[in-house]
Protein backbone atom coordinates (compact mmCIF):
# COMPACT_ATOMS: atom_id res chain seq x y z
CA MET A 1 -17.39 -21.32 3.61
CA GLN A 2 -14.88 -20.92 0.80
CA ALA A 3 -11.71 -23.02 0.82
CA LEU A 4 -8.63 -21.68 -0.99
CA MET A 5 -6.55 -24.84 -1.01
CA HIS A 6 -5.26 -24.53 -4.56
CA GLN A 7 -2.47 -22.40 -5.97
CA PHE A 8 -2.64 -20.69 -9.36
CA ILE A 9 0.48 -21.86 -11.18
CA ASP A 10 1.06 -21.92 -14.94
CA ASN A 11 -2.64 -21.10 -15.54
CA GLN A 12 -3.75 -24.14 -13.58
CA TRP A 13 -5.29 -24.58 -10.15
CA VAL A 14 -3.06 -27.08 -8.40
CA ALA A 15 -3.43 -28.49 -4.91
CA SER A 16 -1.07 -26.85 -2.43
CA ARG A 17 1.73 -28.95 -1.01
CA GLY A 18 1.07 -27.27 2.32
CA GLU A 19 -1.16 -29.15 4.74
CA ARG A 20 -1.70 -26.46 7.37
CA ARG A 21 -4.85 -24.33 7.09
CA LEU A 22 -5.40 -20.69 8.06
CA ALA A 23 -8.79 -19.20 8.93
CA VAL A 24 -10.00 -16.14 7.01
CA ILE A 25 -12.16 -13.92 9.24
CA ASP A 26 -15.00 -11.48 8.67
CA PRO A 27 -13.85 -8.84 11.20
CA TYR A 28 -17.33 -7.39 11.67
CA ARG A 29 -19.18 -10.64 12.28
CA GLU A 30 -16.13 -12.32 13.87
CA ALA A 31 -16.90 -15.39 11.82
CA VAL A 32 -14.72 -17.66 9.71
CA ILE A 33 -15.69 -17.11 6.07
CA ALA A 34 -12.93 -19.10 4.37
CA GLU A 35 -9.88 -21.23 4.85
CA VAL A 36 -6.63 -20.70 3.00
CA THR A 37 -3.61 -22.93 2.74
CA ALA A 38 -0.49 -21.89 4.61
CA GLY A 39 1.37 -22.88 1.46
CA ALA A 40 4.72 -24.57 1.10
CA ALA A 41 8.18 -23.97 -0.35
CA GLU A 42 7.36 -26.52 -3.07
CA ASP A 43 4.46 -24.31 -4.20
CA VAL A 44 6.83 -21.37 -4.50
CA ASP A 45 9.36 -23.41 -6.44
CA ALA A 46 6.73 -24.58 -8.95
CA ALA A 47 5.46 -21.00 -9.39
CA VAL A 48 8.95 -19.56 -9.92
CA ASN A 49 9.76 -22.26 -12.46
CA ALA A 50 6.54 -21.49 -14.35
CA ALA A 51 7.37 -17.77 -14.36
CA ARG A 52 10.87 -18.45 -15.68
CA ARG A 53 9.53 -20.58 -18.52
CA ALA A 54 7.05 -17.85 -19.48
CA LEU A 55 9.54 -14.98 -19.30
CA PRO A 56 11.17 -15.10 -22.78
CA ALA A 57 7.89 -15.07 -24.71
CA TRP A 58 6.26 -12.46 -22.47
CA ARG A 59 9.17 -10.02 -22.68
CA ALA A 60 9.31 -10.51 -26.47
CA LEU A 61 5.59 -9.85 -26.86
CA GLY A 62 6.03 -6.09 -26.91
CA GLY A 63 4.47 -3.27 -24.93
CA ALA A 64 1.42 -2.84 -27.15
CA ALA A 65 0.31 -6.45 -26.65
CA ARG A 66 1.06 -6.36 -22.94
CA GLY A 67 -0.92 -3.13 -22.67
CA ALA A 68 -3.91 -4.82 -24.27
CA TYR A 69 -3.85 -7.49 -21.59
CA LEU A 70 -3.71 -4.81 -18.87
CA ASP A 71 -6.69 -3.03 -20.39
CA ALA A 72 -8.55 -6.35 -20.44
CA LEU A 73 -7.70 -6.88 -16.79
CA ALA A 74 -9.08 -3.43 -15.94
CA ASP A 75 -12.25 -4.19 -17.93
CA ALA A 76 -12.73 -7.43 -16.00
CA LEU A 77 -12.34 -5.66 -12.65
CA GLU A 78 -14.90 -3.09 -13.77
CA THR A 79 -17.33 -5.86 -14.68
CA ARG A 80 -16.90 -7.46 -11.25
CA ARG A 81 -16.76 -4.16 -9.33
CA SER A 82 -19.83 -4.64 -7.12
CA GLU A 83 -18.96 -8.22 -6.21
CA LEU A 84 -15.32 -7.44 -5.42
CA ALA A 85 -16.13 -4.33 -3.37
CA MET A 86 -18.51 -6.35 -1.23
CA LEU A 87 -15.96 -9.15 -0.88
CA SER A 88 -13.28 -6.67 0.16
CA SER A 89 -15.57 -5.10 2.76
CA ARG A 90 -16.39 -8.49 4.25
CA ASN A 91 -12.80 -9.72 4.26
CA ASN A 92 -11.06 -6.50 5.30
CA GLY A 93 -13.79 -4.71 7.30
CA LYS A 94 -13.54 -1.40 5.46
CA PRO A 95 -16.76 0.55 4.76
CA ARG A 96 -18.30 -0.18 1.39
CA ALA A 97 -17.58 3.33 0.08
CA GLU A 98 -13.87 2.85 0.81
CA ALA A 99 -13.89 -0.55 -0.89
CA GLU A 100 -15.52 1.03 -3.94
CA GLN A 101 -12.76 3.64 -4.01
CA ASP A 102 -10.18 0.86 -3.86
CA LEU A 103 -11.69 -0.71 -6.97
CA SER A 104 -11.59 2.61 -8.79
CA ASP A 105 -7.94 3.10 -7.84
CA ALA A 106 -6.98 -0.41 -8.95
CA ILE A 107 -8.76 -0.08 -12.29
CA ALA A 108 -7.12 3.30 -12.94
CA CYS A 109 -3.71 1.79 -12.16
CA TYR A 110 -4.06 -1.04 -14.69
CA ARG A 111 -5.27 1.40 -17.33
CA HIS A 112 -2.38 3.77 -16.63
CA TYR A 113 0.23 1.06 -17.04
CA ALA A 114 -1.47 -0.20 -20.19
CA GLY A 115 -0.54 3.20 -21.60
CA GLU A 116 2.95 3.03 -20.13
CA ALA A 117 3.49 -0.37 -21.76
CA ARG A 118 2.63 1.06 -25.17
CA ALA A 119 4.81 4.12 -24.57
CA LEU A 120 7.72 1.86 -23.64
CA ASP A 121 7.81 0.51 -27.18
CA ALA A 122 8.22 4.02 -28.55
CA ARG A 123 11.15 4.78 -26.24
CA GLN A 124 13.19 1.69 -27.06
CA GLY A 125 16.39 2.56 -28.89
CA GLU A 126 16.15 6.31 -28.33
CA ALA A 127 19.40 8.14 -28.98
CA VAL A 128 21.38 9.31 -25.97
CA ALA A 129 23.96 12.10 -26.04
CA THR A 130 27.38 10.65 -25.22
CA GLY A 131 29.38 13.86 -25.02
CA GLU A 132 31.96 12.19 -27.25
CA THR A 133 32.59 13.04 -30.91
CA GLY A 134 32.04 10.18 -33.32
CA LEU A 135 29.97 7.95 -31.03
CA LEU A 136 26.29 7.08 -31.18
CA SER A 137 24.54 5.50 -28.22
CA ARG A 138 21.01 4.14 -27.87
CA ARG A 139 19.13 3.28 -24.70
CA TYR A 140 16.98 0.19 -24.28
CA GLN A 141 15.01 -0.94 -21.26
CA ASP A 142 14.67 -4.63 -20.52
CA PRO A 143 12.46 -6.34 -17.93
CA VAL A 144 14.38 -7.24 -14.80
CA GLY A 145 13.05 -10.82 -14.98
CA VAL A 146 10.87 -12.80 -12.61
CA ALA A 147 9.35 -10.57 -9.92
CA GLY A 148 8.27 -11.80 -6.49
CA LEU A 149 5.45 -9.58 -5.22
CA ILE A 150 4.26 -9.54 -1.60
CA THR A 151 1.34 -7.34 -0.53
CA PRO A 152 -0.31 -6.46 2.81
CA TRP A 153 -3.92 -6.75 3.95
CA ASN A 154 -4.97 -3.13 4.35
CA PHE A 155 -5.67 -2.27 0.69
CA PRO A 156 -6.61 -5.45 -1.22
CA LEU A 157 -6.52 -5.10 -5.01
CA VAL A 158 -4.87 -1.67 -4.72
CA SER A 159 -1.45 -2.74 -3.42
CA SER A 160 -1.46 -5.64 -5.87
CA ALA A 161 -2.30 -3.31 -8.78
CA TRP A 162 0.60 -1.05 -7.83
CA LYS A 163 2.94 -4.02 -8.31
CA LEU A 164 1.31 -6.26 -10.89
CA ALA A 165 0.47 -3.54 -13.39
CA PRO A 166 3.98 -2.07 -13.80
CA ALA A 167 5.65 -5.47 -13.58
CA LEU A 168 3.52 -6.86 -16.42
CA ALA A 169 3.85 -3.64 -18.44
CA ALA A 170 7.64 -3.88 -18.18
CA GLY A 171 7.65 -7.47 -19.45
CA CYS A 172 8.29 -9.25 -16.15
CA THR A 173 6.55 -12.45 -15.16
CA VAL A 174 5.43 -12.65 -11.55
CA VAL A 175 4.88 -14.80 -8.51
CA PHE A 176 2.36 -13.00 -6.33
CA LYS A 177 1.80 -13.70 -2.64
CA PRO A 178 -1.22 -11.80 -1.34
CA SER A 179 -1.79 -11.42 2.38
CA GLU A 180 -3.21 -14.54 3.96
CA VAL A 181 -5.45 -12.23 6.01
CA THR A 182 -7.31 -10.88 2.96
CA PRO A 183 -6.92 -13.48 0.20
CA LEU A 184 -10.48 -13.41 -1.09
CA PRO A 185 -10.43 -10.25 -3.27
CA GLU A 186 -6.97 -11.08 -4.63
CA GLN A 187 -8.12 -14.55 -5.73
CA ALA A 188 -10.11 -12.77 -8.43
CA LEU A 189 -6.88 -11.68 -10.14
CA ALA A 190 -6.00 -15.29 -10.94
CA GLU A 191 -9.54 -15.95 -12.14
CA ILE A 192 -9.32 -12.88 -14.39
CA ALA A 193 -5.92 -13.96 -15.75
CA LEU A 194 -7.57 -17.14 -17.00
CA ALA A 195 -10.62 -15.33 -18.32
CA ILE A 196 -8.64 -12.83 -20.43
CA GLY A 197 -6.31 -15.49 -21.82
CA LEU A 198 -3.11 -14.29 -20.17
CA PRO A 199 -0.35 -16.69 -21.29
CA PRO A 200 0.49 -19.52 -18.86
CA GLY A 201 3.10 -18.70 -16.24
CA VAL A 202 2.93 -14.92 -16.62
CA VAL A 203 0.98 -14.48 -13.38
CA ASN A 204 1.25 -17.08 -10.64
CA LEU A 205 -0.60 -16.62 -7.35
CA VAL A 206 0.55 -18.54 -4.29
CA HIS A 207 -1.57 -18.38 -1.14
CA GLY A 208 0.13 -18.72 2.21
CA ASP A 209 1.74 -17.05 5.18
CA GLY A 210 5.10 -15.41 5.62
CA GLU A 211 6.83 -18.45 7.03
CA GLN A 212 5.68 -21.02 4.48
CA VAL A 213 5.50 -18.85 1.35
CA GLY A 214 6.95 -15.38 1.98
CA ALA A 215 10.35 -16.55 3.21
CA PRO A 216 10.87 -19.16 0.44
CA LEU A 217 9.83 -16.61 -2.17
CA THR A 218 12.27 -13.95 -0.99
CA ALA A 219 15.07 -16.52 -0.77
CA HIS A 220 14.43 -18.22 -4.12
CA PRO A 221 17.39 -17.83 -6.50
CA GLY A 222 15.02 -17.86 -9.48
CA VAL A 223 13.47 -14.54 -8.43
CA ASP A 224 15.25 -11.54 -9.95
CA LYS A 225 13.21 -8.78 -8.30
CA LEU A 226 11.47 -8.51 -4.93
CA SER A 227 8.77 -5.94 -4.24
CA PHE A 228 7.37 -5.89 -0.71
CA THR A 229 4.83 -3.69 1.04
CA GLY A 230 4.40 -4.13 4.77
CA SER A 231 6.04 -3.51 8.12
CA THR A 232 9.56 -2.17 8.51
CA PRO A 233 10.88 -5.23 10.45
CA VAL A 234 9.69 -7.62 7.74
CA GLY A 235 11.04 -5.23 5.09
CA GLU A 236 14.47 -5.53 6.70
CA ALA A 237 14.24 -9.31 6.40
CA VAL A 238 13.25 -9.04 2.74
CA MET A 239 16.17 -6.71 2.08
CA ALA A 240 18.56 -9.14 3.77
CA ALA A 241 17.22 -11.97 1.60
CA ALA A 242 17.66 -9.85 -1.53
CA ALA A 243 21.29 -9.23 -0.61
CA ARG A 244 22.00 -12.90 -1.29
CA GLY A 245 22.58 -12.91 -5.02
CA ILE A 246 22.51 -9.08 -5.22
CA ARG A 247 18.90 -8.98 -6.39
CA ASN A 248 16.77 -5.96 -7.16
CA VAL A 249 14.46 -4.90 -4.32
CA SER A 250 11.72 -2.32 -3.69
CA LEU A 251 10.32 -1.74 -0.21
CA GLU A 252 7.23 0.27 0.75
CA LEU A 253 7.21 0.20 4.53
CA GLY A 254 5.77 1.95 7.56
CA GLY A 255 5.18 5.54 8.46
CA LYS A 256 4.42 7.93 11.28
CA SER A 257 3.35 10.85 9.19
CA PRO A 258 2.73 14.44 10.35
CA ILE A 259 -0.04 16.86 9.43
CA LEU A 260 0.79 20.56 9.99
CA VAL A 261 -1.96 23.11 10.56
CA THR A 262 -0.96 26.79 10.53
CA GLU A 263 -2.72 29.67 12.26
CA ASP A 264 -4.20 30.97 8.98
CA ALA A 265 -5.63 27.60 7.93
CA ASP A 266 -9.29 26.94 7.11
CA LEU A 267 -10.12 25.05 10.30
CA ASP A 268 -13.14 23.28 8.87
CA LEU A 269 -10.96 21.90 6.10
CA ALA A 270 -8.22 21.11 8.59
CA ALA A 271 -10.58 19.11 10.81
CA GLU A 272 -11.80 17.18 7.76
CA LEU A 273 -8.26 16.35 6.64
CA VAL A 274 -7.04 15.45 10.12
CA LEU A 275 -10.00 13.12 10.66
CA ALA A 276 -9.46 11.36 7.34
CA GLY A 277 -5.75 11.17 8.00
CA PHE A 278 -6.13 8.96 11.05
CA CYS A 279 -9.58 7.37 10.68
CA TYR A 280 -9.81 6.37 7.00
CA ASN A 281 -9.63 2.57 6.82
CA ALA A 282 -9.84 2.69 10.64
CA GLY A 283 -6.35 4.20 10.65
CA GLN A 284 -4.83 1.11 9.02
CA MET A 285 -2.71 3.06 6.53
CA CYS A 286 1.04 3.32 6.23
CA SER A 287 0.49 6.96 5.21
CA ALA A 288 -1.80 7.79 8.15
CA THR A 289 -1.09 11.35 9.32
CA SER A 290 -1.29 10.34 12.96
CA ARG A 291 0.93 13.14 14.32
CA LEU A 292 -0.92 16.47 14.40
CA LEU A 293 1.18 19.63 14.68
CA VAL A 294 -1.11 22.64 15.12
CA HIS A 295 -0.25 26.29 15.71
CA GLU A 296 -0.96 27.21 19.32
CA ALA A 297 -3.20 30.13 18.27
CA VAL A 298 -5.78 27.75 16.73
CA ALA A 299 -5.18 24.55 18.69
CA GLU A 300 -8.28 24.85 20.88
CA ALA A 301 -10.56 25.73 17.99
CA LEU A 302 -9.24 22.89 15.82
CA HIS A 303 -9.55 20.29 18.57
CA ALA A 304 -13.13 21.35 19.25
CA ARG A 305 -13.98 20.83 15.59
CA LEU A 306 -12.09 17.54 15.52
CA ASP A 307 -13.88 16.15 18.57
CA ALA A 308 -17.21 17.01 16.98
CA ALA A 309 -16.20 15.34 13.72
CA VAL A 310 -15.10 12.16 15.50
CA ALA A 311 -18.41 12.02 17.37
CA GLU A 312 -20.27 12.00 14.05
CA LEU A 313 -18.57 8.82 12.81
CA VAL A 314 -20.86 5.84 12.39
CA ALA A 315 -19.37 2.50 13.38
CA GLY A 316 -21.16 -0.51 12.02
CA ASP A 317 -21.56 -3.12 9.34
CA PRO A 318 -19.10 -2.34 6.52
CA LEU A 319 -21.77 -3.33 4.01
CA ASP A 320 -24.17 -0.69 5.35
CA ALA A 321 -23.95 2.53 3.33
CA ALA A 322 -24.31 4.58 6.54
CA THR A 323 -21.11 3.13 8.07
CA THR A 324 -18.10 5.44 8.07
CA LEU A 325 -15.89 3.52 10.52
CA GLY A 326 -15.31 -0.19 10.14
CA PRO A 327 -13.62 -2.67 12.48
CA LEU A 328 -9.92 -3.40 12.53
CA VAL A 329 -8.96 -6.29 10.30
CA ASN A 330 -8.67 -8.94 13.01
CA ALA A 331 -8.32 -9.57 16.73
CA ALA A 332 -4.52 -9.41 16.56
CA GLN A 333 -4.63 -5.89 15.14
CA ARG A 334 -7.25 -4.81 17.69
CA ASP A 335 -5.03 -6.17 20.49
CA ARG A 336 -2.01 -4.36 19.06
CA VAL A 337 -3.86 -1.04 19.19
CA ALA A 338 -5.14 -1.85 22.67
CA GLY A 339 -1.52 -2.32 23.72
CA PHE A 340 -0.70 1.22 22.63
CA LEU A 341 -3.73 2.53 24.52
CA ALA A 342 -2.46 0.73 27.62
CA THR A 343 0.90 2.41 27.09
CA ALA A 344 -0.85 5.78 26.91
CA GLU A 345 -2.54 5.11 30.23
CA ALA A 346 0.75 4.03 31.80
CA GLU A 347 2.38 7.24 30.52
CA GLY A 348 -0.40 9.34 32.02
CA LEU A 349 -1.87 10.34 28.67
CA ALA A 350 -5.61 10.82 28.38
CA PRO A 351 -7.72 11.37 25.25
CA THR A 352 -9.10 14.88 24.77
CA THR A 353 -12.62 13.59 25.31
CA GLU A 354 -14.12 10.21 26.03
CA VAL A 355 -15.35 9.60 22.52
CA ARG A 356 -18.86 8.27 22.78
CA ILE A 357 -19.60 6.98 19.33
CA ALA A 358 -21.72 3.87 19.57
CA LEU A 359 -19.78 0.69 18.84
CA PRO A 360 -21.49 -2.56 17.83
CA HIS A 361 -21.48 -5.35 20.40
CA HIS A 362 -19.42 -7.51 18.06
CA GLY A 363 -16.59 -6.86 15.62
CA HIS A 364 -12.98 -5.84 16.16
CA PHE A 365 -13.72 -2.15 16.71
CA VAL A 366 -11.56 0.47 18.39
CA ALA A 367 -13.07 3.88 19.10
CA PRO A 368 -10.93 6.76 17.76
CA ARG A 369 -8.72 8.46 20.33
CA VAL A 370 -7.09 11.89 20.23
CA PHE A 371 -4.22 12.56 22.65
CA ARG A 372 -2.89 16.09 23.16
CA ASP A 373 0.55 17.28 24.24
CA VAL A 374 2.07 13.86 23.68
CA PRO A 375 5.77 13.79 24.61
CA VAL A 376 8.03 13.38 21.60
CA ASP A 377 9.70 10.37 23.23
CA SER A 378 6.42 8.54 23.77
CA ARG A 379 5.85 5.27 21.89
CA LEU A 380 2.55 6.74 20.71
CA TRP A 381 4.36 9.66 19.07
CA ARG A 382 7.19 7.67 17.52
CA GLU A 383 5.78 4.26 16.52
CA GLU A 384 3.30 3.22 13.88
CA ILE A 385 0.05 2.16 15.58
CA PHE A 386 -2.11 1.20 12.57
CA GLY A 387 -5.35 2.15 14.25
CA PRO A 388 -7.54 5.25 14.75
CA VAL A 389 -5.22 7.00 17.23
CA LEU A 390 -4.05 10.61 16.83
CA CYS A 391 -1.25 12.30 18.77
CA SER A 392 -1.13 16.09 18.86
CA ARG A 393 1.33 18.82 19.76
CA SER A 394 1.21 22.57 19.26
CA PHE A 395 3.90 24.87 17.83
CA ARG A 396 4.66 28.60 17.83
CA ASP A 397 6.47 29.03 14.52
CA ASP A 398 7.17 27.19 11.30
CA GLU A 399 10.73 26.32 12.33
CA ALA A 400 9.48 24.36 15.33
CA ALA A 401 6.78 22.66 13.25
CA VAL A 402 9.24 21.48 10.61
CA ALA A 403 11.73 20.28 13.21
CA MET A 404 9.11 18.20 15.03
CA ALA A 405 7.67 16.86 11.79
CA ASN A 406 11.06 15.66 10.55
CA ASP A 407 12.10 14.20 13.91
CA SER A 408 11.01 10.68 12.98
CA ASP A 409 12.49 7.38 11.89
CA PHE A 410 10.04 7.43 8.98
CA GLY A 411 9.52 9.63 5.94
CA LEU A 412 6.61 8.29 3.90
CA ALA A 413 4.04 11.10 3.79
CA ALA A 414 2.94 14.42 5.26
CA SER A 415 0.15 16.97 4.96
CA VAL A 416 0.11 20.75 5.28
CA VAL A 417 -3.02 22.84 5.86
CA ALA A 418 -2.37 26.57 5.48
CA GLY A 419 -4.34 29.58 4.34
CA ASP A 420 -1.53 30.84 2.13
CA PRO A 421 -0.85 28.30 -0.66
CA ALA A 422 2.69 29.60 -1.13
CA ARG A 423 3.41 29.08 2.56
CA ALA A 424 1.97 25.58 2.35
CA GLU A 425 4.25 24.68 -0.54
CA ALA A 426 7.24 26.24 1.19
CA LEU A 427 6.59 24.09 4.26
CA ALA A 428 6.09 21.03 2.07
CA GLY A 429 9.50 21.62 0.52
CA ARG A 430 11.15 21.34 3.92
CA LEU A 431 9.51 18.09 5.00
CA THR A 432 11.35 14.78 4.76
CA ALA A 433 8.62 12.76 3.10
CA GLY A 434 8.06 11.10 -0.26
CA ASN A 435 4.55 12.52 -0.69
CA VAL A 436 3.23 15.78 0.76
CA TRP A 437 -0.34 17.02 0.32
CA CYS A 438 -1.21 20.70 0.69
CA ASN A 439 -4.82 21.59 1.57
CA THR A 440 -6.16 18.36 0.07
CA HIS A 441 -6.94 14.76 0.96
CA GLN A 442 -4.38 12.01 0.54
CA VAL A 443 -4.51 11.17 -3.14
CA ALA A 444 -2.23 8.81 -5.04
CA PRO A 445 -3.05 8.98 -8.77
CA PRO A 446 -1.23 6.34 -10.82
CA GLY A 447 0.71 9.01 -12.71
CA LEU A 448 2.51 10.15 -9.56
CA GLY A 449 5.22 8.33 -7.66
CA TRP A 450 4.74 6.76 -4.25
CA GLY A 451 7.33 5.80 -1.66
CA GLY A 452 9.24 7.03 1.33
CA MET A 453 12.54 8.03 2.85
CA LYS A 454 14.45 6.74 5.88
CA GLY A 455 12.69 3.76 7.47
CA SER A 456 9.72 4.06 5.12
CA GLY A 457 11.39 2.16 2.33
CA ILE A 458 13.47 2.06 -0.81
CA GLY A 459 12.35 2.92 -4.32
CA ARG A 460 9.08 4.21 -5.71
CA GLU A 461 5.81 2.75 -6.93
CA LEU A 462 3.35 4.35 -9.37
CA GLY A 463 4.22 6.78 -12.13
CA ARG A 464 7.13 6.32 -14.51
CA ALA A 465 9.36 5.44 -11.56
CA GLY A 466 7.04 2.54 -10.72
CA LEU A 467 7.55 1.12 -14.22
CA GLU A 468 11.31 1.62 -14.17
CA ALA A 469 11.49 -0.32 -10.90
CA TYR A 470 10.90 -3.42 -13.07
CA LEU A 471 13.28 -2.42 -15.87
CA GLU A 472 17.03 -2.51 -16.41
CA ALA A 473 18.70 0.05 -18.69
CA ARG A 474 20.97 -1.18 -21.48
CA TYR A 475 23.12 1.20 -23.58
CA VAL A 476 24.41 0.20 -26.99
CA THR A 477 27.24 2.38 -28.31
CA ARG A 478 28.98 2.37 -31.71
CA PRO A 479 30.83 4.74 -34.01
CA SER A 480 28.45 7.24 -35.60
């Protein structure tokens, strides 16, 4: 059993000041595979101080040199791909193929921001039109400072790449708190920082939980920027902490995303996209399209295809190549989903069929459920479940579909499946969501932005916007 009792601070492994220990679970075998420290405020303070000391030299290094480090980080992840994918599957419970995709996404993200770091050099001091005669103005972009990064457990190495890569490219130094539920894959990032010779204090990794590490990190006056991915209630607490001192904050929070299927849609494609939208990663996705809105003319045909597709899922060992549905990440998450299923029963809702995919006799599994004609005021329709549960309603026209889709406290993502591409894009343009996919799977290339509206967060990750989230603009104006 691995013990993660040391924090990575200033390029050294130092014993945590925290004495409490947290168990790290293999959700398939239901076995403890590691222990991690709960951390302490003193750990956070030491990490922030190290990041502040490293900041002047790192920001002065220049984008080309920072980009070289990011490329080296991507190379190191590629070298350790097989090991880290297996570790992620064991720690998180996701099927091996999904863990492999995570590694590919993370590597692509570091490579993308290596390029962005180099491009940043070229943009520094670019002339800006002032609209005034006789004045010349130039624009510079400076790193915001020390960034406190907090990531969730559902996409290890991916969520961290979305934050670490742009922060480092921009010239920020960081204090990174990975989820205490899935610390094992993220530990590799500290090991890689040492291996590639990243300067001391540029990346500091502090293991621990929200109480002992997360709260002190968000409250620390030495942190200039907070970037958090997780639940909306915790995001509200992070935002409140950032208000003290008027600090920069980015929040990527929950979702209750819709998928619209029109009467002219390719129903085989629709069934494939609906299934992936609520069963990929066992439904543990903030972007899960767990509200299905289907035209009444094709509702029966689509549900028949969907039931057949669900029945073909293979639940089992995440390390087995045949597995397409892994367990939920831990018992607490399984119990949370079970609570929603109990609510469904109390509300008189029944799944379309009793899904009879074989579940292992151990592991935190939940069989996928599809509920039809779910009332719009039901908890199942309105709240994020974070499990393989789909709620469905039918519609008669596009106006009704758009109205139901947008009637949500969230606005992270949406999908549209339609036979006419122009109609699909027209519907997408009317949806209140940060990312909308038309007739394709959920993809998030590093060149695009990612983030939501309403209760789904503030700001954007990925793309140029993801870099600028860690930059401050400075304008220098003089007579021409």
